[in-house]
Amino acid sequence: MAKKQKEMLLVGSKTKEALKTSGKDTFMVSSDALEGLNEYVYWLVEQAQQRAKANGRKTIRSYDILAMK
């Protein structure tokens, strides 16, 4: 059975442009790159929801979103 495609949360043109350029380097972006990144964003949202709920809150705060630098 085919997996239902989730709604795109990213602005395609802006995301592709960010993926393509990094300082002096230029990268190609495959057709499925946005779909993969969109799935990751959905996962981040789910993790933030779970963390807020685990802390007894209904408000998602910036620190609920797992981000590494």
N, C-alpha and C. Protein backbone atom coordinates (compact mmCIF):
# COMPACT_ATOMS: atom_id res chain seq x y z
N MET A 1 0.84 -1.18 0.00
CA MET A 1 0.00 0.00 0.00
C MET A 1 0.89 1.25 0.00
N ALA A 2 0.53 2.21 -0.79
CA ALA A 2 1.31 3.45 -0.91
C ALA A 2 1.16 4.31 0.33
N LYS A 3 2.25 4.93 0.72
CA LYS A 3 2.26 5.81 1.88
C LYS A 3 1.64 7.15 1.49
N LYS A 4 0.72 7.64 2.31
CA LYS A 4 0.08 8.93 2.03
C LYS A 4 1.10 10.05 2.17
N GLN A 5 1.17 10.90 1.16
CA GLN A 5 2.12 12.00 1.18
C GLN A 5 1.60 13.11 2.10
N LYS A 6 2.49 13.59 2.95
CA LYS A 6 2.12 14.65 3.88
C LYS A 6 2.19 16.00 3.19
N GLU A 7 1.43 16.94 3.73
CA GLU A 7 1.43 18.30 3.20
C GLU A 7 2.83 18.90 3.33
N MET A 8 3.25 19.63 2.31
CA MET A 8 4.57 20.26 2.31
C MET A 8 4.56 21.45 3.26
N LEU A 9 5.47 21.43 4.24
CA LEU A 9 5.57 22.50 5.22
C LEU A 9 6.62 23.54 4.82
N LEU A 10 7.42 23.22 3.81
CA LEU A 10 8.52 24.08 3.40
C LEU A 10 8.17 24.86 2.13
N VAL A 11 8.75 26.02 1.99
CA VAL A 11 8.62 26.79 0.75
C VAL A 11 9.69 26.22 -0.19
N GLY A 12 9.25 25.54 -1.24
CA GLY A 12 10.14 24.80 -2.12
C GLY A 12 11.28 25.62 -2.69
N SER A 13 10.98 26.76 -3.29
CA SER A 13 12.03 27.55 -3.96
C SER A 13 13.05 28.09 -2.96
N LYS A 14 12.59 28.53 -1.81
CA LYS A 14 13.50 29.08 -0.79
C LYS A 14 14.38 27.97 -0.21
N THR A 15 13.78 26.82 0.05
CA THR A 15 14.53 25.70 0.63
C THR A 15 15.57 25.18 -0.36
N LYS A 16 15.17 25.04 -1.63
CA LYS A 16 16.12 24.58 -2.65
C LYS A 16 17.29 25.55 -2.77
N GLU A 17 17.01 26.83 -2.75
CA GLU A 17 18.08 27.84 -2.85
C GLU A 17 19.03 27.73 -1.67
N ALA A 18 18.49 27.52 -0.47
CA ALA A 18 19.34 27.38 0.72
C ALA A 18 20.19 26.12 0.63
N LEU A 19 19.64 25.05 0.08
CA LEU A 19 20.38 23.80 -0.06
C LEU A 19 21.47 23.90 -1.14
N LYS A 20 21.20 24.67 -2.18
CA LYS A 20 22.12 24.77 -3.31
C LYS A 20 23.40 25.53 -2.99
N THR A 21 23.28 26.60 -2.22
CA THR A 21 24.45 27.46 -2.01
C THR A 21 24.92 27.45 -0.57
N SER A 22 26.23 27.41 -0.43
CA SER A 22 26.86 27.45 0.88
C SER A 22 28.21 28.14 0.72
N GLY A 23 28.21 29.45 0.87
CA GLY A 23 29.46 30.19 0.67
C GLY A 23 29.90 30.11 -0.77
N LYS A 24 31.09 29.56 -1.00
CA LYS A 24 31.62 29.48 -2.37
C LYS A 24 31.24 28.19 -3.07
N ASP A 25 30.69 27.22 -2.34
CA ASP A 25 30.30 25.94 -2.93
C ASP A 25 28.87 25.97 -3.44
N THR A 26 28.61 25.24 -4.52
CA THR A 26 27.27 25.10 -5.08
C THR A 26 26.95 23.62 -5.16
N PHE A 27 25.74 23.26 -4.74
CA PHE A 27 25.31 21.87 -4.72
C PHE A 27 24.10 21.67 -5.61
N MET A 28 23.96 20.47 -6.13
CA MET A 28 22.76 20.08 -6.87
C MET A 28 21.76 19.56 -5.84
N VAL A 29 20.47 19.73 -6.12
CA VAL A 29 19.42 19.28 -5.20
C VAL A 29 18.55 18.27 -5.94
N SER A 30 18.48 17.03 -5.43
CA SER A 30 17.70 15.99 -6.09
C SER A 30 16.22 16.25 -5.92
N SER A 31 15.43 15.59 -6.75
CA SER A 31 13.99 15.81 -6.74
C SER A 31 13.33 15.34 -5.43
N ASP A 32 13.95 14.40 -4.74
CA ASP A 32 13.35 13.90 -3.50
C ASP A 32 13.92 14.56 -2.24
N ALA A 33 14.83 15.50 -2.40
CA ALA A 33 15.45 16.15 -1.24
C ALA A 33 14.43 16.91 -0.40
N LEU A 34 13.53 17.64 -1.04
CA LEU A 34 12.52 18.39 -0.29
C LEU A 34 11.58 17.47 0.47
N GLU A 35 11.23 16.34 -0.14
CA GLU A 35 10.36 15.37 0.53
C GLU A 35 11.03 14.82 1.78
N GLY A 36 12.32 14.50 1.66
CA GLY A 36 13.06 13.99 2.82
C GLY A 36 13.17 15.02 3.93
N LEU A 37 13.44 16.25 3.56
CA LEU A 37 13.55 17.33 4.54
C LEU A 37 12.19 17.61 5.18
N ASN A 38 11.13 17.53 4.38
CA ASN A 38 9.78 17.73 4.90
C ASN A 38 9.43 16.66 5.94
N GLU A 39 9.82 15.41 5.67
CA GLU A 39 9.59 14.32 6.64
C GLU A 39 10.33 14.61 7.93
N TYR A 40 11.54 15.13 7.83
CA TYR A 40 12.33 15.46 9.01
C TYR A 40 11.67 16.58 9.82
N VAL A 41 11.11 17.57 9.14
CA VAL A 41 10.41 18.66 9.83
C VAL A 41 9.19 18.10 10.57
N TYR A 42 8.44 17.20 9.94
CA TYR A 42 7.31 16.57 10.62
C TYR A 42 7.78 15.82 11.87
N TRP A 43 8.92 15.15 11.78
CA TRP A 43 9.46 14.43 12.93
C TRP A 43 9.83 15.41 14.05
N LEU A 44 10.46 16.55 13.69
CA LEU A 44 10.81 17.56 14.68
C LEU A 44 9.56 18.10 15.38
N VAL A 45 8.51 18.32 14.62
CA VAL A 45 7.24 18.81 15.18
C VAL A 45 6.69 17.79 16.18
N GLU A 46 6.70 16.54 15.79
CA GLU A 46 6.20 15.48 16.68
C GLU A 46 7.01 15.39 17.96
N GLN A 47 8.33 15.50 17.85
CA GLN A 47 9.19 15.46 19.04
C GLN A 47 8.92 16.65 19.96
N ALA A 48 8.72 17.83 19.39
CA ALA A 48 8.42 19.02 20.18
C ALA A 48 7.08 18.87 20.91
N GLN A 49 6.09 18.31 20.23
CA GLN A 49 4.79 18.08 20.85
C GLN A 49 4.91 17.12 22.03
N GLN A 50 5.66 16.05 21.83
CA GLN A 50 5.84 15.06 22.90
C GLN A 50 6.58 15.66 24.09
N ARG A 51 7.58 16.47 23.83
CA ARG A 51 8.35 17.08 24.92
C ARG A 51 7.49 18.06 25.72
N ALA A 52 6.71 18.88 25.03
CA ALA A 52 5.83 19.82 25.73
C ALA A 52 4.81 19.06 26.57
N LYS A 53 4.23 18.02 26.01
CA LYS A 53 3.25 17.22 26.74
C LYS A 53 3.88 16.55 27.96
N ALA A 54 5.09 16.02 27.80
CA ALA A 54 5.79 15.38 28.91
C ALA A 54 6.08 16.36 30.04
N ASN A 55 6.20 17.63 29.70
CA ASN A 55 6.45 18.67 30.69
C ASN A 55 5.18 19.35 31.17
N GLY A 56 4.02 18.77 30.82
CA GLY A 56 2.73 19.28 31.30
C GLY A 56 2.32 20.59 30.67
N ARG A 57 2.79 20.86 29.45
CA ARG A 57 2.44 22.10 28.77
C ARG A 57 1.70 21.83 27.48
N LYS A 58 0.89 22.79 27.07
CA LYS A 58 0.23 22.74 25.77
C LYS A 58 0.86 23.73 24.81
N THR A 59 1.84 24.47 25.30
CA THR A 59 2.54 25.45 24.48
C THR A 59 3.91 24.90 24.12
N ILE A 60 4.19 24.85 22.83
CA ILE A 60 5.51 24.40 22.38
C ILE A 60 6.44 25.61 22.41
N ARG A 61 7.56 25.43 23.11
CA ARG A 61 8.55 26.49 23.25
C ARG A 61 9.74 26.19 22.34
N SER A 62 10.57 27.19 22.11
CA SER A 62 11.72 27.00 21.22
C SER A 62 12.63 25.86 21.70
N TYR A 63 12.77 25.69 23.01
CA TYR A 63 13.65 24.65 23.53
C TYR A 63 13.05 23.25 23.42
N ASP A 64 11.77 23.15 23.01
CA ASP A 64 11.17 21.84 22.75
C ASP A 64 11.59 21.31 21.39
N ILE A 65 12.05 22.18 20.53
CA ILE A 65 12.46 21.79 19.19
C ILE A 65 13.92 21.38 19.24
N LEU A 66 14.16 20.12 18.91
CA LEU A 66 15.52 19.57 18.98
C LEU A 66 16.33 20.15 17.83
N ALA A 67 17.32 20.92 18.17
CA ALA A 67 18.20 21.49 17.14
C ALA A 67 19.63 21.45 17.64
N MET A 68 20.51 21.08 16.76
CA MET A 68 21.93 21.03 17.13
C MET A 68 22.70 21.98 16.24
N LYS A 69 23.67 22.61 16.81
CA LYS A 69 24.53 23.52 16.06
C LYS A 69 25.89 22.96 15.90
